[in-house]
Amino acid sequence: MLRETDSRATLRSGLPDRYLTPDDIAEIFGVPVETVYQWRKKRTGPPGFRIGKHLRYDPADVRAYVTERKSADAAA
């Protein structure tokens, strides 16, 4: 429960000034890492990119994804 609160605080206060890992995304959204990889496979989560064999996420893209999801939920 404390972990969810910390994750939400991270989103509210701003994301780190570095590319995020799948573990970071899982922690921020409070989901298992496997879910992050499924989002990537299904193209339903925040957009990621590869640097060599490593998957990374741009904090600006994650912020935009959250804003988009909030707008979609508000419109529903």
PDB file of N, CA and C in Angstrom:
ATOM      1  N   MET A   1       0.825  -1.190   0.000  1.00  0.00           N
ATOM      2  CA  MET A   1       0.000   0.000   0.000  1.00  0.00           C
ATOM      3  C   MET A   1       0.872   1.257   0.000  1.00  0.00           C
ATOM      4  N   LEU A   2       1.898   1.273   0.820  1.00  0.00           N
ATOM      5  CA  LEU A   2       2.821   2.407   0.847  1.00  0.00           C
ATOM      6  C   LEU A   2       3.494   2.576  -0.500  1.00  0.00           C
ATOM      7  N   ARG A   3       3.778   1.462  -1.162  1.00  0.00           N
ATOM      8  CA  ARG A   3       4.434   1.511  -2.469  1.00  0.00           C
ATOM      9  C   ARG A   3       3.563   2.231  -3.491  1.00  0.00           C
ATOM     10  N   GLU A   4       2.226   1.995  -3.462  1.00  0.00           N
ATOM     11  CA  GLU A   4       1.316   2.686  -4.380  1.00  0.00           C
ATOM     12  C   GLU A   4       1.330   4.186  -4.119  1.00  0.00           C
ATOM     13  N   THR A   5       1.307   4.571  -2.862  1.00  0.00           N
ATOM     14  CA  THR A   5       1.336   5.988  -2.513  1.00  0.00           C
ATOM     15  C   THR A   5       2.598   6.639  -3.043  1.00  0.00           C
ATOM     16  N   ASP A   6       3.733   5.993  -2.864  1.00  0.00           N
ATOM     17  CA  ASP A   6       5.001   6.531  -3.361  1.00  0.00           C
ATOM     18  C   ASP A   6       4.979   6.665  -4.879  1.00  0.00           C
ATOM     19  N   SER A   7       4.413   5.687  -5.576  1.00  0.00           N
ATOM     20  CA  SER A   7       4.344   5.730  -7.034  1.00  0.00           C
ATOM     21  C   SER A   7       3.496   6.894  -7.504  1.00  0.00           C
ATOM     22  N   ARG A   8       2.368   7.086  -6.876  1.00  0.00           N
ATOM     23  CA  ARG A   8       1.496   8.207  -7.259  1.00  0.00           C
ATOM     24  C   ARG A   8       2.168   9.534  -6.972  1.00  0.00           C
ATOM     25  N   ALA A   9       2.880   9.612  -5.878  1.00  0.00           N
ATOM     26  CA  ALA A   9       3.610  10.835  -5.557  1.00  0.00           C
ATOM     27  C   ALA A   9       4.670  11.113  -6.613  1.00  0.00           C
ATOM     28  N   THR A  10       5.303  10.071  -7.129  1.00  0.00           N
ATOM     29  CA  THR A  10       6.299  10.236  -8.186  1.00  0.00           C
ATOM     30  C   THR A  10       5.668  10.856  -9.416  1.00  0.00           C
ATOM     31  N   LEU A  11       4.485  10.371  -9.803  1.00  0.00           N
ATOM     32  CA  LEU A  11       3.811  10.929 -10.978  1.00  0.00           C
ATOM     33  C   LEU A  11       3.407  12.379 -10.746  1.00  0.00           C
ATOM     34  N   ARG A  12       2.926  12.701  -9.545  1.00  0.00           N
ATOM     35  CA  ARG A  12       2.491  14.065  -9.253  1.00  0.00           C
ATOM     36  C   ARG A  12       3.661  15.026  -9.176  1.00  0.00           C
ATOM     37  N   SER A  13       4.745  14.583  -8.556  1.00  0.00           N
ATOM     38  CA  SER A  13       5.872  15.490  -8.340  1.00  0.00           C
ATOM     39  C   SER A  13       6.801  15.565  -9.541  1.00  0.00           C
ATOM     40  N   GLY A  14       6.619  14.714 -10.496  1.00  0.00           N
ATOM     41  CA  GLY A  14       7.473  14.715 -11.671  1.00  0.00           C
ATOM     42  C   GLY A  14       8.287  13.442 -11.746  1.00  0.00           C
ATOM     43  N   LEU A  15       8.603  13.072 -12.937  1.00  0.00           N
ATOM     44  CA  LEU A  15       9.367  11.852 -13.165  1.00  0.00           C
ATOM     45  C   LEU A  15      10.857  12.166 -13.165  1.00  0.00           C
ATOM     46  N   PRO A  16      11.676  11.160 -12.961  1.00  0.00           N
ATOM     47  CA  PRO A  16      13.133  11.385 -12.959  1.00  0.00           C
ATOM     48  C   PRO A  16      13.616  11.951 -14.293  1.00  0.00           C
ATOM     49  N   ASP A  17      14.723  12.644 -14.249  1.00  0.00           N
ATOM     50  CA  ASP A  17      15.306  13.234 -15.447  1.00  0.00           C
ATOM     51  C   ASP A  17      16.277  12.230 -16.070  1.00  0.00           C
ATOM     52  N   ARG A  18      15.745  11.061 -16.441  1.00  0.00           N
ATOM     53  CA  ARG A  18      16.521  10.008 -17.100  1.00  0.00           C
ATOM     54  C   ARG A  18      15.517   9.089 -17.774  1.00  0.00           C
ATOM     55  N   TYR A  19      15.987   8.270 -18.681  1.00  0.00           N
ATOM     56  CA  TYR A  19      15.109   7.295 -19.293  1.00  0.00           C
ATOM     57  C   TYR A  19      14.721   6.249 -18.257  1.00  0.00           C
ATOM     58  N   LEU A  20      13.473   5.824 -18.307  1.00  0.00           N
ATOM     59  CA  LEU A  20      12.943   4.889 -17.321  1.00  0.00           C
ATOM     60  C   LEU A  20      13.052   3.451 -17.810  1.00  0.00           C
ATOM     61  N   THR A  21      13.229   2.538 -16.889  1.00  0.00           N
ATOM     62  CA  THR A  21      13.303   1.117 -17.200  1.00  0.00           C
ATOM     63  C   THR A  21      11.923   0.484 -17.020  1.00  0.00           C
ATOM     64  N   PRO A  22      11.718  -0.732 -17.516  1.00  0.00           N
ATOM     65  CA  PRO A  22      10.447  -1.424 -17.253  1.00  0.00           C
ATOM     66  C   PRO A  22      10.170  -1.566 -15.757  1.00  0.00           C
ATOM     67  N   ASP A  23      11.204  -1.756 -14.950  1.00  0.00           N
ATOM     68  CA  ASP A  23      11.010  -1.826 -13.496  1.00  0.00           C
ATOM     69  C   ASP A  23      10.486  -0.502 -12.944  1.00  0.00           C
ATOM     70  N   ASP A  24      11.005   0.608 -13.463  1.00  0.00           N
ATOM     71  CA  ASP A  24      10.517   1.931 -13.045  1.00  0.00           C
ATOM     72  C   ASP A  24       9.035   2.088 -13.392  1.00  0.00           C
ATOM     73  N   ILE A  25       8.675   1.693 -14.613  1.00  0.00           N
ATOM     74  CA  ILE A  25       7.281   1.815 -15.060  1.00  0.00           C
ATOM     75  C   ILE A  25       6.375   0.954 -14.183  1.00  0.00           C
ATOM     76  N   ALA A  26       6.805  -0.258 -13.888  1.00  0.00           N
ATOM     77  CA  ALA A  26       6.014  -1.150 -13.033  1.00  0.00           C
ATOM     78  C   ALA A  26       5.808  -0.534 -11.654  1.00  0.00           C
ATOM     79  N   GLU A  27       6.846   0.051 -11.109  1.00  0.00           N
ATOM     80  CA  GLU A  27       6.739   0.673  -9.788  1.00  0.00           C
ATOM     81  C   GLU A  27       5.833   1.896  -9.822  1.00  0.00           C
ATOM     82  N   ILE A  28       5.985   2.725 -10.823  1.00  0.00           N
ATOM     83  CA  ILE A  28       5.173   3.939 -10.930  1.00  0.00           C
ATOM     84  C   ILE A  28       3.686   3.605 -11.014  1.00  0.00           C
ATOM     85  N   PHE A  29       3.350   2.608 -11.839  1.00  0.00           N
ATOM     86  CA  PHE A  29       1.943   2.268 -12.041  1.00  0.00           C
ATOM     87  C   PHE A  29       1.437   1.195 -11.079  1.00  0.00           C
ATOM     88  N   GLY A  30       2.315   0.636 -10.267  1.00  0.00           N
ATOM     89  CA  GLY A  30       1.907  -0.370  -9.293  1.00  0.00           C
ATOM     90  C   GLY A  30       1.430  -1.666  -9.926  1.00  0.00           C
ATOM     91  N   VAL A  31       2.119  -2.082 -10.979  1.00  0.00           N
ATOM     92  CA  VAL A  31       1.775  -3.322 -11.684  1.00  0.00           C
ATOM     93  C   VAL A  31       3.015  -4.196 -11.759  1.00  0.00           C
ATOM     94  N   PRO A  32       2.835  -5.496 -12.011  1.00  0.00           N
ATOM     95  CA  PRO A  32       4.005  -6.363 -12.188  1.00  0.00           C
ATOM     96  C   PRO A  32       4.780  -5.998 -13.463  1.00  0.00           C
ATOM     97  N   VAL A  33       6.061  -6.283 -13.472  1.00  0.00           N
ATOM     98  CA  VAL A  33       6.892  -6.013 -14.647  1.00  0.00           C
ATOM     99  C   VAL A  33       6.349  -6.759 -15.866  1.00  0.00           C
ATOM    100  N   GLU A  34       5.805  -7.951 -15.653  1.00  0.00           N
ATOM    101  CA  GLU A  34       5.242  -8.722 -16.763  1.00  0.00           C
ATOM    102  C   GLU A  34       4.131  -7.943 -17.471  1.00  0.00           C
ATOM    103  N   THR A  35       3.357  -7.179 -16.701  1.00  0.00           N
ATOM    104  CA  THR A  35       2.296  -6.357 -17.280  1.00  0.00           C
ATOM    105  C   THR A  35       2.882  -5.294 -18.196  1.00  0.00           C
ATOM    106  N   VAL A  36       3.979  -4.696 -17.789  1.00  0.00           N
ATOM    107  CA  VAL A  36       4.643  -3.670 -18.608  1.00  0.00           C
ATOM    108  C   VAL A  36       5.053  -4.273 -19.954  1.00  0.00           C
ATOM    109  N   TYR A  37       5.613  -5.484 -19.926  1.00  0.00           N
ATOM    110  CA  TYR A  37       6.019  -6.134 -21.173  1.00  0.00           C
ATOM    111  C   TYR A  37       4.799  -6.499 -22.026  1.00  0.00           C
ATOM    112  N   GLN A  38       3.689  -6.873 -21.396  1.00  0.00           N
ATOM    113  CA  GLN A  38       2.461  -7.164 -22.153  1.00  0.00           C
ATOM    114  C   GLN A  38       1.908  -5.891 -22.798  1.00  0.00           C
ATOM    115  N   TRP A  39       1.951  -4.773 -22.070  1.00  0.00           N
ATOM    116  CA  TRP A  39       1.520  -3.498 -22.651  1.00  0.00           C
ATOM    117  C   TRP A  39       2.336  -3.192 -23.897  1.00  0.00           C
ATOM    118  N   ARG A  40       3.633  -3.435 -23.804  1.00  0.00           N
ATOM    119  CA  ARG A  40       4.520  -3.165 -24.952  1.00  0.00           C
ATOM    120  C   ARG A  40       4.147  -4.061 -26.129  1.00  0.00           C
ATOM    121  N   LYS A  41       3.940  -5.339 -25.854  1.00  0.00           N
ATOM    122  CA  LYS A  41       3.593  -6.297 -26.903  1.00  0.00           C
ATOM    123  C   LYS A  41       2.254  -5.945 -27.559  1.00  0.00           C
ATOM    124  N   LYS A  42       1.270  -5.521 -26.745  1.00  0.00           N
ATOM    125  CA  LYS A  42      -0.071  -5.193 -27.251  1.00  0.00           C
ATOM    126  C   LYS A  42      -0.197  -3.730 -27.688  1.00  0.00           C
ATOM    127  N   ARG A  43       0.869  -2.957 -27.450  1.00  0.00           N
ATOM    128  CA  ARG A  43       0.876  -1.525 -27.776  1.00  0.00           C
ATOM    129  C   ARG A  43      -0.249  -0.770 -27.071  1.00  0.00           C
ATOM    130  N   THR A  44      -0.431  -1.051 -25.783  1.00  0.00           N
ATOM    131  CA  THR A  44      -1.489  -0.399 -25.021  1.00  0.00           C
ATOM    132  C   THR A  44      -0.962   0.517 -23.923  1.00  0.00           C
ATOM    133  N   GLY A  45       0.286   0.386 -23.563  1.00  0.00           N
ATOM    134  CA  GLY A  45       0.862   1.197 -22.492  1.00  0.00           C
ATOM    135  C   GLY A  45       1.653   2.365 -23.045  1.00  0.00           C
ATOM    136  N   PRO A  46       2.426   3.002 -22.188  1.00  0.00           N
ATOM    137  CA  PRO A  46       3.255   4.116 -22.662  1.00  0.00           C
ATOM    138  C   PRO A  46       4.264   3.610 -23.701  1.00  0.00           C
ATOM    139  N   PRO A  47       4.549   4.422 -24.702  1.00  0.00           N
ATOM    140  CA  PRO A  47       5.480   3.978 -25.744  1.00  0.00           C
ATOM    141  C   PRO A  47       6.911   3.874 -25.217  1.00  0.00           C
ATOM    142  N   GLY A  48       7.544   2.781 -25.564  1.00  0.00           N
ATOM    143  CA  GLY A  48       8.929   2.569 -25.171  1.00  0.00           C
ATOM    144  C   GLY A  48       9.804   2.431 -26.404  1.00  0.00           C
ATOM    145  N   PHE A  49      11.075   2.357 -26.190  1.00  0.00           N
ATOM    146  CA  PHE A  49      12.016   2.191 -27.304  1.00  0.00           C
ATOM    147  C   PHE A  49      13.200   1.371 -26.807  1.00  0.00           C
ATOM    148  N   ARG A  50      13.925   0.811 -27.741  1.00  0.00           N
ATOM    149  CA  ARG A  50      15.073  -0.024 -27.398  1.00  0.00           C
ATOM    150  C   ARG A  50      16.374   0.736 -27.625  1.00  0.00           C
ATOM    151  N   ILE A  51      17.282   0.541 -26.700  1.00  0.00           N
ATOM    152  CA  ILE A  51      18.664   0.975 -26.851  1.00  0.00           C
ATOM    153  C   ILE A  51      19.457  -0.324 -26.764  1.00  0.00           C
ATOM    154  N   GLY A  52      19.842  -0.828 -27.931  1.00  0.00           N
ATOM    155  CA  GLY A  52      20.433  -2.162 -27.966  1.00  0.00           C
ATOM    156  C   GLY A  52      19.377  -3.169 -27.563  1.00  0.00           C
ATOM    157  N   LYS A  53      19.664  -3.963 -26.563  1.00  0.00           N
ATOM    158  CA  LYS A  53      18.683  -4.943 -26.110  1.00  0.00           C
ATOM    159  C   LYS A  53      17.859  -4.429 -24.920  1.00  0.00           C
ATOM    160  N   HIS A  54      18.096  -3.201 -24.504  1.00  0.00           N
ATOM    161  CA  HIS A  54      17.439  -2.650 -23.321  1.00  0.00           C
ATOM    162  C   HIS A  54      16.226  -1.804 -23.694  1.00  0.00           C
ATOM    163  N   LEU A  55      15.114  -2.039 -23.003  1.00  0.00           N
ATOM    164  CA  LEU A  55      13.891  -1.284 -23.207  1.00  0.00           C
ATOM    165  C   LEU A  55      13.901  -0.076 -22.279  1.00  0.00           C
ATOM    166  N   ARG A  56      13.590   1.083 -22.839  1.00  0.00           N
ATOM    167  CA  ARG A  56      13.565   2.316 -22.052  1.00  0.00           C
ATOM    168  C   ARG A  56      12.320   3.127 -22.412  1.00  0.00           C
ATOM    169  N   TYR A  57      11.962   4.029 -21.497  1.00  0.00           N
ATOM    170  CA  TYR A  57      10.805   4.898 -21.671  1.00  0.00           C
ATOM    171  C   TYR A  57      11.226   6.329 -21.412  1.00  0.00           C
ATOM    172  N   ASP A  58      10.773   7.231 -22.278  1.00  0.00           N
ATOM    173  CA  ASP A  58      11.054   8.651 -22.103  1.00  0.00           C
ATOM    174  C   ASP A  58      10.023   9.196 -21.103  1.00  0.00           C
ATOM    175  N   PRO A  59      10.465   9.873 -20.049  1.00  0.00           N
ATOM    176  CA  PRO A  59       9.518  10.411 -19.065  1.00  0.00           C
ATOM    177  C   PRO A  59       8.448  11.313 -19.690  1.00  0.00           C
ATOM    178  N   ALA A  60       8.795  12.061 -20.731  1.00  0.00           N
ATOM    179  CA  ALA A  60       7.817  12.925 -21.398  1.00  0.00           C
ATOM    180  C   ALA A  60       6.717  12.084 -22.051  1.00  0.00           C
ATOM    181  N   ASP A  61       7.086  10.935 -22.630  1.00  0.00           N
ATOM    182  CA  ASP A  61       6.095  10.045 -23.237  1.00  0.00           C
ATOM    183  C   ASP A  61       5.195   9.417 -22.177  1.00  0.00           C
ATOM    184  N   VAL A  62       5.767   9.087 -21.033  1.00  0.00           N
ATOM    185  CA  VAL A  62       4.971   8.511 -19.938  1.00  0.00           C
ATOM    186  C   VAL A  62       3.978   9.550 -19.426  1.00  0.00           C
ATOM    187  N   ARG A  63       4.441  10.781 -19.252  1.00  0.00           N
ATOM    188  CA  ARG A  63       3.553  11.870 -18.821  1.00  0.00           C
ATOM    189  C   ARG A  63       2.414  12.067 -19.812  1.00  0.00           C
ATOM    190  N   ALA A  64       2.738  12.071 -21.109  1.00  0.00           N
ATOM    191  CA  ALA A  64       1.724  12.243 -22.152  1.00  0.00           C
ATOM    192  C   ALA A  64       0.731  11.084 -22.132  1.00  0.00           C
ATOM    193  N   TYR A  65       1.210   9.873 -21.904  1.00  0.00           N
ATOM    194  CA  TYR A  65       0.345   8.695 -21.830  1.00  0.00           C
ATOM    195  C   TYR A  65      -0.644   8.837 -20.669  1.00  0.00           C
ATOM    196  N   VAL A  66      -0.163   9.258 -19.513  1.00  0.00           N
ATOM    197  CA  VAL A  66      -1.034   9.423 -18.347  1.00  0.00           C
ATOM    198  C   VAL A  66      -2.086  10.501 -18.625  1.00  0.00           C
ATOM    199  N   THR A  67      -1.675  11.599 -19.208  1.00  0.00           N
ATOM    200  CA  THR A  67      -2.610  12.672 -19.542  1.00  0.00           C
ATOM    201  C   THR A  67      -3.668  12.186 -20.520  1.00  0.00           C
ATOM    202  N   GLU A  68      -3.241  11.425 -21.524  1.00  0.00           N
ATOM    203  CA  GLU A  68      -4.171  10.865 -22.526  1.00  0.00           C
ATOM    204  C   GLU A  68      -5.175   9.934 -21.865  1.00  0.00           C
ATOM    205  N   ARG A  69      -4.697   9.071 -20.972  1.00  0.00           N
ATOM    206  CA  ARG A  69      -5.585   8.121 -20.280  1.00  0.00           C
ATOM    207  C   ARG A  69      -6.580   8.856 -19.397  1.00  0.00           C
ATOM    208  N   LYS A  70      -6.133   9.906 -18.711  1.00  0.00           N
ATOM    209  CA  LYS A  70      -7.038  10.692 -17.863  1.00  0.00           C
ATOM    210  C   LYS A  70      -8.124  11.340 -18.705  1.00  0.00           C
ATOM    211  N   SER A  71      -7.747  11.884 -19.856  1.00  0.00           N
ATOM    212  CA  SER A  71      -8.716  12.533 -20.741  1.00  0.00           C
ATOM    213  C   SER A  71      -9.714  11.514 -21.284  1.00  0.00           C
ATOM    214  N   ALA A  72      -9.239  10.344 -21.651  1.00  0.00           N
ATOM    215  CA  ALA A  72     -10.118   9.293 -22.184  1.00  0.00           C
ATOM    216  C   ALA A  72     -11.107   8.834 -21.113  1.00  0.00           C
ATOM    217  N   ASP A  73     -10.638   8.701 -19.874  1.00  0.00           N
ATOM    218  CA  ASP A  73     -11.520   8.278 -18.786  1.00  0.00           C
ATOM    219  C   ASP A  73     -12.545   9.357 -18.455  1.00  0.00           C
ATOM    220  N   ALA A  74     -12.129  10.616 -18.515  1.00  0.00           N
ATOM    221  CA  ALA A  74     -13.051  11.711 -18.223  1.00  0.00           C
ATOM    222  C   ALA A  74     -14.133  11.816 -19.286  1.00  0.00           C
ATOM    223  N   ALA A  75     -13.775  11.500 -20.537  1.00  0.00           N
ATOM    224  CA  ALA A  75     -14.734  11.580 -21.636  1.00  0.00           C
ATOM    225  C   ALA A  75     -15.714  10.403 -21.642  1.00  0.00           C
ATOM    226  N   ALA A  76     -15.334   9.317 -20.992  1.00  0.00           N
ATOM    227  CA  ALA A  76     -16.195   8.109 -20.995  1.00  0.00           C
ATOM    228  C   ALA A  76     -17.392   8.223 -20.102  1.00  0.00           C
TER     229      ALA A  76
END
